[in-house]
Amino acid sequence: MRADRYVDLYLIRHWITDWNKEKRYLGHTDQNILLDGIIELELLKKELESLSFDAIYSSDLIRCQETLECLHLCHSSNLDPRLRELNFGDWEGKKYDELKEDAYYQNWLDNWESHTTPNGESAKMFQQRVDEFVSNMLDSDKLCGEKTTILVMTHGGVIRYMLSKFKASNSFWESPAVTHGKGVLLKLVNLKGEWECNSLSVVPSAGKDLQ
């Protein structure tokens, strides 16, 4: 069956910050990226600069904006707070060792969708805003003809959730983890009004599929 529309969707995770390096929970707290090791973005930059993007979307948090600036892509970005990481509330800036004795934290680890982070964001709130963004992004009126190429600069949790949406065989935690400064390419097809992912590969290219 021939698809009605095609989208190449690049989901890129921002470069690392102090808290990422220290393995602290980092959600809505605004942190700059580290310059240490920034040379590692060169492979990503080289691959992306050869592409022509019809749209670039980014979380409005500074770590995503700064990563985009390092890539020097020839397209302005649309900043969208719906692409932010989960808000960890009182756990922002904390490490696992600081929280591991907390029974509520252990319950959240066991089932994050049923427990809300203290003074933070529930899974339902997080999922609803990301779902809304995806729906808007793939609105037929915003797509450029039969084939559209889109880049999204965002966070690890958002990427995991979006992968679980398009790869029905994967739950949130079964979706592949994406390291900082890297991403995935999803090739989406629209069949009778429904979007499906028929290919998933790493970015920069590693010469193999994730499926």
N, C-alpha and C. Protein backbone atom coordinates (compact mmCIF):
# COMPACT_ATOMS: atom_id res chain seq x y z
N MET A 1 0.84 -1.20 0.00
CA MET A 1 0.00 0.00 0.00
C MET A 1 0.88 1.25 0.00
N ARG A 2 0.58 2.18 -0.87
CA ARG A 2 1.38 3.39 -0.97
C ARG A 2 0.99 4.38 0.13
N ALA A 3 2.00 4.96 0.78
CA ALA A 3 1.75 5.93 1.85
C ALA A 3 1.29 7.27 1.28
N ASP A 4 0.48 7.98 2.08
CA ASP A 4 0.03 9.32 1.68
C ASP A 4 1.10 10.37 1.93
N ARG A 5 1.84 10.22 3.02
CA ARG A 5 2.87 11.18 3.41
C ARG A 5 4.05 10.44 4.02
N TYR A 6 5.24 11.07 3.92
CA TYR A 6 6.45 10.52 4.53
C TYR A 6 7.11 11.62 5.37
N VAL A 7 7.62 11.23 6.53
CA VAL A 7 8.38 12.17 7.38
C VAL A 7 9.64 11.49 7.87
N ASP A 8 10.79 12.14 7.66
CA ASP A 8 12.04 11.73 8.30
C ASP A 8 12.15 12.56 9.56
N LEU A 9 12.05 11.91 10.71
CA LEU A 9 12.04 12.61 11.99
C LEU A 9 13.32 12.33 12.77
N TYR A 10 14.13 13.36 12.95
CA TYR A 10 15.38 13.25 13.71
C TYR A 10 15.11 13.72 15.14
N LEU A 11 15.29 12.81 16.11
CA LEU A 11 15.14 13.14 17.53
C LEU A 11 16.54 13.19 18.14
N ILE A 12 16.97 14.37 18.55
CA ILE A 12 18.33 14.57 19.05
C ILE A 12 18.31 14.97 20.52
N ARG A 13 19.18 14.34 21.32
CA ARG A 13 19.30 14.70 22.73
C ARG A 13 20.39 15.75 22.91
N HIS A 14 20.12 16.73 23.74
CA HIS A 14 21.07 17.82 23.99
C HIS A 14 22.40 17.31 24.53
N TRP A 15 23.42 18.15 24.46
CA TRP A 15 24.72 17.83 25.01
C TRP A 15 24.66 17.85 26.54
N ILE A 16 25.68 17.32 27.18
CA ILE A 16 25.70 17.07 28.61
C ILE A 16 25.86 18.35 29.44
N THR A 17 25.30 18.33 30.65
CA THR A 17 25.43 19.43 31.62
C THR A 17 26.13 18.91 32.88
N ASP A 18 26.38 19.83 33.82
CA ASP A 18 26.98 19.44 35.11
C ASP A 18 26.15 18.36 35.80
N TRP A 19 24.86 18.60 35.91
CA TRP A 19 24.01 17.65 36.62
C TRP A 19 23.91 16.32 35.90
N ASN A 20 23.90 16.34 34.56
CA ASN A 20 23.91 15.08 33.82
C ASN A 20 25.17 14.29 34.15
N LYS A 21 26.29 14.99 34.16
CA LYS A 21 27.57 14.33 34.44
C LYS A 21 27.61 13.75 35.83
N GLU A 22 26.98 14.44 36.77
CA GLU A 22 26.96 13.99 38.17
C GLU A 22 25.80 13.04 38.45
N LYS A 23 25.03 12.71 37.41
CA LYS A 23 23.88 11.80 37.54
C LYS A 23 22.85 12.32 38.53
N ARG A 24 22.56 13.61 38.42
CA ARG A 24 21.50 14.23 39.22
C ARG A 24 20.24 14.34 38.36
N TYR A 25 19.07 14.30 39.00
CA TYR A 25 17.83 14.46 38.26
C TYR A 25 17.74 15.89 37.71
N LEU A 26 17.55 15.97 36.41
CA LEU A 26 17.49 17.27 35.74
C LEU A 26 16.28 17.31 34.83
N GLY A 27 15.28 18.07 35.24
CA GLY A 27 14.06 18.20 34.45
C GLY A 27 13.91 19.60 33.90
N HIS A 28 13.15 20.44 34.63
CA HIS A 28 12.90 21.81 34.18
C HIS A 28 13.96 22.80 34.64
N THR A 29 14.87 22.38 35.51
CA THR A 29 15.95 23.28 35.93
C THR A 29 16.79 23.66 34.71
N ASP A 30 17.06 24.95 34.55
CA ASP A 30 17.77 25.42 33.36
C ASP A 30 19.27 25.42 33.61
N GLN A 31 19.99 24.62 32.84
CA GLN A 31 21.44 24.52 32.98
C GLN A 31 22.13 24.63 31.62
N ASN A 32 23.28 25.29 31.64
CA ASN A 32 24.08 25.38 30.42
C ASN A 32 24.79 24.05 30.15
N ILE A 33 25.12 23.81 28.88
CA ILE A 33 25.89 22.62 28.55
C ILE A 33 27.35 22.83 28.92
N LEU A 34 28.07 21.73 29.10
CA LEU A 34 29.51 21.78 29.38
C LEU A 34 30.27 21.89 28.06
N LEU A 35 31.37 22.61 28.10
CA LEU A 35 32.21 22.71 26.91
C LEU A 35 33.16 21.52 26.81
N ASP A 36 33.39 20.85 27.94
CA ASP A 36 34.26 19.67 27.94
C ASP A 36 33.70 18.61 26.99
N GLY A 37 34.54 18.15 26.08
CA GLY A 37 34.14 17.08 25.18
C GLY A 37 33.21 17.49 24.06
N ILE A 38 32.98 18.80 23.91
CA ILE A 38 32.05 19.29 22.90
C ILE A 38 32.46 18.89 21.49
N ILE A 39 33.74 18.55 21.32
CA ILE A 39 34.24 18.12 20.01
C ILE A 39 33.49 16.87 19.53
N GLU A 40 32.91 16.13 20.48
CA GLU A 40 32.17 14.92 20.13
C GLU A 40 30.92 15.21 19.31
N LEU A 41 30.50 16.48 19.29
CA LEU A 41 29.34 16.85 18.49
C LEU A 41 29.67 16.97 17.00
N GLU A 42 30.96 16.92 16.66
CA GLU A 42 31.37 17.14 15.27
C GLU A 42 30.79 16.09 14.32
N LEU A 43 30.75 14.83 14.73
CA LEU A 43 30.18 13.79 13.87
C LEU A 43 28.70 14.05 13.61
N LEU A 44 27.99 14.44 14.67
CA LEU A 44 26.58 14.76 14.53
C LEU A 44 26.41 15.97 13.62
N LYS A 45 27.21 16.99 13.85
CA LYS A 45 27.14 18.21 13.05
C LYS A 45 27.37 17.90 11.58
N LYS A 46 28.38 17.09 11.28
CA LYS A 46 28.72 16.76 9.90
C LYS A 46 27.58 16.04 9.21
N GLU A 47 26.92 15.13 9.94
CA GLU A 47 25.82 14.39 9.33
C GLU A 47 24.60 15.28 9.10
N LEU A 48 24.29 16.14 10.06
CA LEU A 48 23.08 16.95 9.96
C LEU A 48 23.23 18.11 8.98
N GLU A 49 24.45 18.66 8.86
CA GLU A 49 24.62 19.83 7.99
C GLU A 49 24.46 19.49 6.52
N SER A 50 24.49 18.20 6.18
CA SER A 50 24.30 17.79 4.79
C SER A 50 22.82 17.65 4.44
N LEU A 51 21.95 17.83 5.44
CA LEU A 51 20.51 17.67 5.24
C LEU A 51 19.80 19.00 5.12
N SER A 52 18.67 18.99 4.49
CA SER A 52 17.83 20.18 4.39
C SER A 52 16.56 19.94 5.20
N PHE A 53 16.42 20.66 6.30
CA PHE A 53 15.28 20.47 7.18
C PHE A 53 14.14 21.42 6.82
N ASP A 54 12.95 20.87 6.80
CA ASP A 54 11.77 21.69 6.55
C ASP A 54 11.31 22.38 7.83
N ALA A 55 11.66 21.79 8.98
CA ALA A 55 11.30 22.40 10.27
C ALA A 55 12.25 21.88 11.34
N ILE A 56 12.60 22.78 12.28
CA ILE A 56 13.39 22.40 13.45
C ILE A 56 12.64 22.87 14.69
N TYR A 57 12.41 21.94 15.62
CA TYR A 57 11.75 22.25 16.88
C TYR A 57 12.71 21.96 18.03
N SER A 58 12.60 22.74 19.10
CA SER A 58 13.50 22.55 20.23
C SER A 58 12.79 22.85 21.54
N SER A 59 13.15 22.11 22.57
CA SER A 59 12.79 22.49 23.93
C SER A 59 13.31 23.90 24.16
N ASP A 60 12.58 24.68 24.96
CA ASP A 60 13.01 26.06 25.21
C ASP A 60 14.10 26.15 26.28
N LEU A 61 14.48 25.02 26.90
CA LEU A 61 15.52 25.05 27.92
C LEU A 61 16.89 25.30 27.29
N ILE A 62 17.74 26.01 28.01
CA ILE A 62 18.99 26.52 27.45
C ILE A 62 19.91 25.42 26.95
N ARG A 63 19.90 24.26 27.58
CA ARG A 63 20.81 23.20 27.15
C ARG A 63 20.48 22.70 25.75
N CYS A 64 19.21 22.75 25.38
CA CYS A 64 18.83 22.38 24.01
C CYS A 64 19.17 23.49 23.03
N GLN A 65 18.91 24.72 23.43
CA GLN A 65 19.23 25.85 22.54
C GLN A 65 20.73 25.93 22.27
N GLU A 66 21.53 25.73 23.30
CA GLU A 66 22.99 25.81 23.12
C GLU A 66 23.51 24.67 22.25
N THR A 67 22.93 23.49 22.39
CA THR A 67 23.35 22.37 21.55
C THR A 67 23.04 22.66 20.09
N LEU A 68 21.87 23.21 19.82
CA LEU A 68 21.52 23.59 18.45
C LEU A 68 22.49 24.62 17.89
N GLU A 69 22.86 25.59 18.71
CA GLU A 69 23.80 26.61 18.27
C GLU A 69 25.13 25.99 17.86
N CYS A 70 25.56 24.97 18.59
CA CYS A 70 26.83 24.30 18.27
C CYS A 70 26.77 23.56 16.94
N LEU A 71 25.57 23.18 16.50
CA LEU A 71 25.43 22.41 15.26
C LEU A 71 25.40 23.31 14.02
N HIS A 72 25.15 24.63 14.23
CA HIS A 72 25.19 25.61 13.13
C HIS A 72 24.32 25.19 11.94
N LEU A 73 23.09 24.79 12.22
CA LEU A 73 22.19 24.40 11.15
C LEU A 73 21.57 25.64 10.50
N CYS A 74 21.40 25.56 9.19
CA CYS A 74 20.91 26.73 8.43
C CYS A 74 19.38 26.78 8.41
N HIS A 75 18.80 26.84 9.59
CA HIS A 75 17.34 26.90 9.69
C HIS A 75 17.01 27.39 11.09
N SER A 76 16.09 28.33 11.20
CA SER A 76 15.69 28.82 12.51
C SER A 76 14.87 27.76 13.23
N SER A 77 14.95 27.77 14.56
CA SER A 77 14.24 26.76 15.35
C SER A 77 12.99 27.35 16.00
N ASN A 78 12.01 26.49 16.21
CA ASN A 78 10.79 26.85 16.92
C ASN A 78 10.89 26.33 18.35
N LEU A 79 10.98 27.21 19.33
CA LEU A 79 11.11 26.81 20.73
C LEU A 79 9.75 26.44 21.29
N ASP A 80 9.70 25.29 21.96
CA ASP A 80 8.41 24.80 22.44
C ASP A 80 8.57 24.16 23.82
N PRO A 81 7.95 24.74 24.87
CA PRO A 81 8.07 24.18 26.22
C PRO A 81 7.47 22.79 26.37
N ARG A 82 6.66 22.35 25.42
CA ARG A 82 6.09 21.00 25.48
C ARG A 82 7.17 19.94 25.28
N LEU A 83 8.33 20.36 24.79
CA LEU A 83 9.44 19.43 24.57
C LEU A 83 10.39 19.35 25.76
N ARG A 84 10.02 19.97 26.87
CA ARG A 84 10.86 19.88 28.08
C ARG A 84 10.86 18.47 28.66
N GLU A 85 11.92 18.19 29.41
CA GLU A 85 12.00 16.93 30.18
C GLU A 85 10.91 16.94 31.24
N LEU A 86 10.64 15.77 31.82
CA LEU A 86 9.71 15.67 32.95
C LEU A 86 10.19 16.58 34.07
N ASN A 87 9.25 17.25 34.72
CA ASN A 87 9.58 18.09 35.87
C ASN A 87 9.66 17.19 37.11
N PHE A 88 10.86 17.06 37.68
CA PHE A 88 11.07 16.16 38.82
C PHE A 88 10.75 16.81 40.17
N GLY A 89 10.30 18.05 40.17
CA GLY A 89 9.87 18.70 41.40
C GLY A 89 10.95 18.73 42.47
N ASP A 90 10.61 18.21 43.66
CA ASP A 90 11.54 18.23 44.80
C ASP A 90 12.77 17.36 44.57
N TRP A 91 12.74 16.52 43.57
CA TRP A 91 13.88 15.64 43.29
C TRP A 91 14.88 16.27 42.32
N GLU A 92 14.57 17.44 41.82
CA GLU A 92 15.52 18.11 40.91
C GLU A 92 16.86 18.31 41.63
N GLY A 93 17.94 17.93 40.98
CA GLY A 93 19.28 18.11 41.53
C GLY A 93 19.72 17.01 42.49
N LYS A 94 18.83 16.06 42.77
CA LYS A 94 19.17 14.97 43.70
C LYS A 94 19.74 13.77 42.94
N LYS A 95 20.55 12.98 43.66
CA LYS A 95 21.10 11.74 43.12
C LYS A 95 20.32 10.54 43.66
N TYR A 96 20.51 9.42 43.01
CA TYR A 96 19.85 8.19 43.44
C TYR A 96 20.16 7.88 44.90
N ASP A 97 21.42 8.02 45.30
CA ASP A 97 21.83 7.68 46.67
C ASP A 97 21.12 8.54 47.71
N GLU A 98 20.72 9.75 47.33
CA GLU A 98 20.02 10.65 48.25
C GLU A 98 18.55 10.28 48.40
N LEU A 99 18.03 9.51 47.45
CA LEU A 99 16.60 9.22 47.43
C LEU A 99 16.25 7.76 47.66
N LYS A 100 17.25 6.89 47.59
CA LYS A 100 16.98 5.44 47.54
C LYS A 100 16.26 4.89 48.76
N GLU A 101 16.36 5.57 49.92
CA GLU A 101 15.68 5.09 51.13
C GLU A 101 14.24 5.59 51.22
N ASP A 102 13.85 6.44 50.30
CA ASP A 102 12.50 7.01 50.29
C ASP A 102 11.55 6.00 49.63
N ALA A 103 10.57 5.51 50.39
CA ALA A 103 9.65 4.49 49.86
C ALA A 103 8.85 5.02 48.68
N TYR A 104 8.48 6.30 48.74
CA TYR A 104 7.70 6.88 47.63
C TYR A 104 8.55 6.90 46.36
N TYR A 105 9.82 7.20 46.51
CA TYR A 105 10.73 7.21 45.36
C TYR A 105 10.85 5.81 44.76
N GLN A 106 10.95 4.80 45.61
CA GLN A 106 11.04 3.43 45.12
C GLN A 106 9.77 3.02 44.39
N ASN A 107 8.62 3.47 44.90
CA ASN A 107 7.36 3.18 44.21
C ASN A 107 7.31 3.87 42.85
N TRP A 108 7.85 5.09 42.79
CA TRP A 108 7.90 5.82 41.51
C TRP A 108 8.80 5.10 40.51
N LEU A 109 9.94 4.59 41.00
CA LEU A 109 10.83 3.84 40.11
C LEU A 109 10.14 2.59 39.57
N ASP A 110 9.34 1.93 40.42
CA ASP A 110 8.64 0.71 40.01
C ASP A 110 7.54 1.00 39.00
N ASN A 111 6.88 2.16 39.14
CA ASN A 111 5.78 2.50 38.23
C ASN A 111 5.64 4.02 38.16
N TRP A 112 6.45 4.64 37.32
CA TRP A 112 6.46 6.09 37.24
C TRP A 112 5.15 6.66 36.69
N GLU A 113 4.38 5.83 35.98
CA GLU A 113 3.13 6.31 35.41
C GLU A 113 2.01 6.43 36.44
N SER A 114 2.19 5.78 37.59
CA SER A 114 1.14 5.81 38.63
C SER A 114 1.48 6.74 39.79
N HIS A 115 2.70 7.27 39.82
CA HIS A 115 3.13 8.11 40.92
C HIS A 115 3.71 9.42 40.39
N THR A 116 3.29 10.53 41.00
CA THR A 116 3.77 11.85 40.58
C THR A 116 4.96 12.26 41.43
N THR A 117 5.96 12.85 40.82
CA THR A 117 7.10 13.35 41.59
C THR A 117 6.61 14.47 42.51
N PRO A 118 7.09 14.53 43.77
CA PRO A 118 6.63 15.54 44.72
C PRO A 118 6.80 16.97 44.19
N ASN A 119 5.69 17.70 44.11
CA ASN A 119 5.69 19.07 43.58
C ASN A 119 6.21 19.13 42.14
N GLY A 120 6.11 18.00 41.46
CA GLY A 120 6.58 17.94 40.07
C GLY A 120 5.44 17.66 39.11
N GLU A 121 5.73 16.82 38.14
CA GLU A 121 4.80 16.58 37.04
C GLU A 121 4.42 15.11 36.99
N SER A 122 3.15 14.85 36.79
CA SER A 122 2.70 13.47 36.66
C SER A 122 3.01 12.94 35.27
N ALA A 123 3.04 11.61 35.15
CA ALA A 123 3.26 11.00 33.84
C ALA A 123 2.17 11.43 32.87
N LYS A 124 0.94 11.54 33.35
CA LYS A 124 -0.17 11.93 32.47
C LYS A 124 0.04 13.33 31.91
N MET A 125 0.46 14.27 32.76
CA MET A 125 0.72 15.63 32.29
C MET A 125 1.84 15.65 31.26
N PHE A 126 2.91 14.92 31.55
CA PHE A 126 4.06 14.83 30.64
C PHE A 126 3.63 14.24 29.30
N GLN A 127 2.93 13.12 29.34
CA GLN A 127 2.51 12.45 28.11
C GLN A 127 1.54 13.29 27.30
N GLN A 128 0.63 13.98 27.97
CA GLN A 128 -0.35 14.80 27.26
C GLN A 128 0.31 15.94 26.50
N ARG A 129 1.30 16.59 27.12
CA ARG A 129 1.93 17.72 26.42
C ARG A 129 2.78 17.23 25.25
N VAL A 130 3.47 16.09 25.41
CA VAL A 130 4.26 15.56 24.31
C VAL A 130 3.34 15.07 23.19
N ASP A 131 2.24 14.41 23.55
CA ASP A 131 1.27 13.96 22.55
C ASP A 131 0.73 15.15 21.75
N GLU A 132 0.43 16.22 22.46
CA GLU A 132 -0.10 17.42 21.80
C GLU A 132 0.92 17.99 20.82
N PHE A 133 2.20 18.02 21.24
CA PHE A 133 3.24 18.52 20.35
C PHE A 133 3.34 17.66 19.10
N VAL A 134 3.38 16.33 19.28
CA VAL A 134 3.51 15.42 18.14
C VAL A 134 2.35 15.59 17.17
N SER A 135 1.13 15.70 17.72
CA SER A 135 -0.05 15.89 16.89
C SER A 135 0.06 17.17 16.06
N ASN A 136 0.50 18.26 16.72
CA ASN A 136 0.67 19.54 16.01
C ASN A 136 1.77 19.46 14.96
N MET A 137 2.88 18.79 15.31
CA MET A 137 4.02 18.68 14.40
C MET A 137 3.64 17.94 13.12
N LEU A 138 2.81 16.91 13.26
CA LEU A 138 2.44 16.07 12.12
C LEU A 138 1.12 16.48 11.49
N ASP A 139 0.63 17.65 11.86
CA ASP A 139 -0.58 18.20 11.22
C ASP A 139 -0.31 18.35 9.72
N SER A 140 -1.18 17.82 8.91
CA SER A 140 -0.96 17.81 7.45
C SER A 140 -0.77 19.21 6.88
N ASP A 141 -1.37 20.22 7.52
CA ASP A 141 -1.22 21.59 7.03
C ASP A 141 0.18 22.15 7.26
N LYS A 142 0.95 21.51 8.16
CA LYS A 142 2.30 21.99 8.46
C LYS A 142 3.38 21.22 7.71
N LEU A 143 2.99 20.12 7.08
CA LEU A 143 3.96 19.30 6.38
C LEU A 143 4.18 19.82 4.96
N CYS A 144 5.40 19.61 4.46
CA CYS A 144 5.80 20.17 3.17
C CYS A 144 5.68 19.13 2.06
N GLY A 145 4.50 19.04 1.47
CA GLY A 145 4.33 18.11 0.37
C GLY A 145 4.34 16.67 0.82
N GLU A 146 4.76 15.79 -0.08
CA GLU A 146 4.72 14.35 0.19
C GLU A 146 5.79 13.91 1.18
N LYS A 147 6.95 14.58 1.18
CA LYS A 147 8.08 14.19 2.05
C LYS A 147 8.55 15.40 2.86
N THR A 148 8.64 15.23 4.17
CA THR A 148 9.07 16.30 5.07
C THR A 148 10.19 15.79 5.96
N THR A 149 11.19 16.63 6.19
CA THR A 149 12.30 16.29 7.08
C THR A 149 12.28 17.24 8.27
N ILE A 150 12.21 16.66 9.47
CA ILE A 150 12.05 17.45 10.71
C ILE A 150 13.12 17.06 11.72
N LEU A 151 13.66 18.04 12.43
CA LEU A 151 14.59 17.79 13.53
C LEU A 151 13.95 18.29 14.83
N VAL A 152 14.04 17.46 15.87
CA VAL A 152 13.56 17.83 17.20
C VAL A 152 14.72 17.72 18.18
N MET A 153 15.09 18.84 18.81
CA MET A 153 16.13 18.86 19.84
C MET A 153 15.45 18.83 21.20
N THR A 154 15.68 17.77 21.94
CA THR A 154 14.93 17.63 23.18
C THR A 154 15.73 16.83 24.22
N HIS A 155 15.03 16.10 25.09
CA HIS A 155 15.63 15.46 26.26
C HIS A 155 15.41 13.94 26.22
N GLY A 156 16.17 13.23 27.05
CA GLY A 156 16.14 11.78 27.04
C GLY A 156 14.76 11.18 27.28
N GLY A 157 14.03 11.71 28.26
CA GLY A 157 12.71 11.18 28.58
C GLY A 157 11.71 11.41 27.46
N VAL A 158 11.79 12.56 26.82
CA VAL A 158 10.88 12.88 25.72
C VAL A 158 11.14 11.93 24.55
N ILE A 159 12.42 11.69 24.26
CA ILE A 159 12.76 10.78 23.15
C ILE A 159 12.26 9.37 23.45
N ARG A 160 12.49 8.89 24.67
CA ARG A 160 12.02 7.55 25.03
C ARG A 160 10.50 7.44 24.85
N TYR A 161 9.78 8.46 25.30
CA TYR A 161 8.32 8.41 25.21
C TYR A 161 7.87 8.44 23.75
N MET A 162 8.49 9.29 22.93
CA MET A 162 8.11 9.36 21.52
C MET A 162 8.41 8.05 20.81
N LEU A 163 9.52 7.41 21.16
CA LEU A 163 9.84 6.11 20.57
C LEU A 163 8.79 5.06 20.96
N SER A 164 8.35 5.10 22.21
CA SER A 164 7.34 4.13 22.65
C SER A 164 6.01 4.36 21.94
N LYS A 165 5.75 5.59 21.51
CA LYS A 165 4.51 5.90 20.78
C LYS A 165 4.56 5.31 19.36
N PHE A 166 5.69 5.47 18.71
CA PHE A 166 5.79 5.05 17.32
C PHE A 166 6.21 3.59 17.15
N LYS A 167 6.80 3.02 18.19
CA LYS A 167 7.17 1.60 18.16
C LYS A 167 6.31 0.89 19.20
N ALA A 168 5.16 0.43 18.76
CA ALA A 168 4.17 -0.13 19.68
C ALA A 168 4.69 -1.34 20.46
N SER A 169 5.72 -1.99 19.93
CA SER A 169 6.26 -3.17 20.61
C SER A 169 7.12 -2.80 21.82
N ASN A 170 7.45 -1.52 21.94
CA ASN A 170 8.31 -1.07 23.04
C ASN A 170 7.51 -0.30 24.09
N SER A 171 7.75 -0.61 25.37
CA SER A 171 7.22 0.24 26.43
C SER A 171 8.21 1.39 26.62
N PHE A 172 7.92 2.30 27.54
CA PHE A 172 8.81 3.44 27.78
C PHE A 172 10.23 2.98 28.08
N TRP A 173 10.38 2.04 29.03
CA TRP A 173 11.71 1.61 29.45
C TRP A 173 12.37 0.66 28.46
N GLU A 174 11.57 0.05 27.58
CA GLU A 174 12.14 -0.84 26.56
C GLU A 174 12.66 -0.07 25.36
N SER A 175 12.26 1.18 25.23
CA SER A 175 12.75 1.99 24.11
C SER A 175 14.24 2.24 24.29
N PRO A 176 15.01 2.26 23.20
CA PRO A 176 16.46 2.45 23.31
C PRO A 176 16.83 3.79 23.94
N ALA A 177 17.78 3.77 24.86
CA ALA A 177 18.26 5.01 25.47
C ALA A 177 19.16 5.74 24.49
N VAL A 178 19.05 7.05 24.43
CA VAL A 178 19.86 7.88 23.55
C VAL A 178 20.82 8.70 24.41
N THR A 179 22.11 8.62 24.14
CA THR A 179 23.09 9.36 24.92
C THR A 179 23.14 10.81 24.49
N HIS A 180 23.75 11.65 25.32
CA HIS A 180 23.83 13.08 25.05
C HIS A 180 24.60 13.36 23.76
N GLY A 181 24.05 14.26 22.95
CA GLY A 181 24.71 14.64 21.71
C GLY A 181 24.51 13.65 20.58
N LYS A 182 23.58 12.72 20.77
CA LYS A 182 23.27 11.75 19.72
C LYS A 182 21.75 11.68 19.56
N GLY A 183 21.31 10.84 18.64
CA GLY A 183 19.87 10.77 18.40
C GLY A 183 19.46 9.56 17.61
N VAL A 184 18.22 9.62 17.15
CA VAL A 184 17.67 8.56 16.32
C VAL A 184 16.92 9.18 15.15
N LEU A 185 16.87 8.43 14.07
CA LEU A 185 16.09 8.83 12.89
C LEU A 185 14.92 7.86 12.75
N LEU A 186 13.71 8.40 12.78
CA LEU A 186 12.51 7.62 12.56
C LEU A 186 11.97 7.95 11.17
N LYS A 187 11.77 6.94 10.36
CA LYS A 187 11.14 7.14 9.06
C LYS A 187 9.67 6.80 9.22
N LEU A 188 8.83 7.83 9.17
CA LEU A 188 7.40 7.67 9.39
C LEU A 188 6.64 7.67 8.08
N VAL A 189 5.61 6.86 8.02
CA VAL A 189 4.72 6.84 6.85
C VAL A 189 3.29 7.00 7.34
N ASN A 190 2.49 7.67 6.54
CA ASN A 190 1.09 7.87 6.89
C ASN A 190 0.24 7.01 5.97
N LEU A 191 -0.41 6.01 6.57
CA LEU A 191 -1.28 5.11 5.82
C LEU A 191 -2.71 5.31 6.27
N LYS A 192 -3.52 5.85 5.39
CA LYS A 192 -4.94 6.09 5.70
C LYS A 192 -5.12 6.90 6.97
N GLY A 193 -4.28 7.92 7.15
CA GLY A 193 -4.44 8.83 8.28
C GLY A 193 -3.72 8.43 9.55
N GLU A 194 -3.07 7.26 9.56
CA GLU A 194 -2.34 6.80 10.74
C GLU A 194 -0.84 6.80 10.47
N TRP A 195 -0.07 7.35 11.43
CA TRP A 195 1.38 7.39 11.29
C TRP A 195 2.01 6.11 11.86
N GLU A 196 2.93 5.54 11.08
CA GLU A 196 3.65 4.35 11.51
C GLU A 196 5.14 4.56 11.26
N CYS A 197 5.97 3.93 12.09
CA CYS A 197 7.42 3.98 11.91
C CYS A 197 7.86 2.68 11.24
N ASN A 198 8.48 2.82 10.07
CA ASN A 198 8.94 1.61 9.39
C ASN A 198 10.45 1.45 9.39
N SER A 199 11.16 2.41 10.05
CA SER A 199 12.61 2.30 10.16
C SER A 199 13.09 3.16 11.31
N LEU A 200 14.05 2.63 12.07
CA LEU A 200 14.61 3.34 13.23
C LEU A 200 16.11 3.12 13.24
N SER A 201 16.89 4.20 13.13
CA SER A 201 18.34 4.07 13.07
C SER A 201 19.01 5.13 13.94
N VAL A 202 20.26 4.88 14.31
CA VAL A 202 20.98 5.80 15.19
C VAL A 202 21.56 6.97 14.40
N VAL A 203 21.74 8.08 15.08
CA VAL A 203 22.34 9.29 14.52
C VAL A 203 23.38 9.80 15.51
N PRO A 204 24.64 10.06 15.07
CA PRO A 204 25.18 9.84 13.73
C PRO A 204 25.15 8.35 13.35
N SER A 205 25.17 8.11 12.04
CA SER A 205 25.05 6.75 11.54
C SER A 205 26.08 5.84 12.15
N ALA A 206 25.63 4.66 12.58
CA ALA A 206 26.55 3.66 13.12
C ALA A 206 26.59 2.44 12.24
N GLY A 207 25.93 2.57 11.08
CA GLY A 207 25.97 1.48 10.11
C GLY A 207 25.07 0.31 10.46
N LYS A 208 24.12 0.53 11.42
CA LYS A 208 23.22 -0.57 11.74
C LYS A 208 21.89 -0.03 12.22
N ASP A 209 20.88 -0.85 12.09
CA ASP A 209 19.53 -0.52 12.48
C ASP A 209 19.35 -0.79 13.97
N LEU A 210 18.38 -0.10 14.59
CA LEU A 210 18.05 -0.37 15.99
C LEU A 210 16.97 -1.45 16.09
N GLN A 211 16.42 -1.88 14.99
CA GLN A 211 15.33 -2.86 15.06
C GLN A 211 15.89 -4.27 15.12
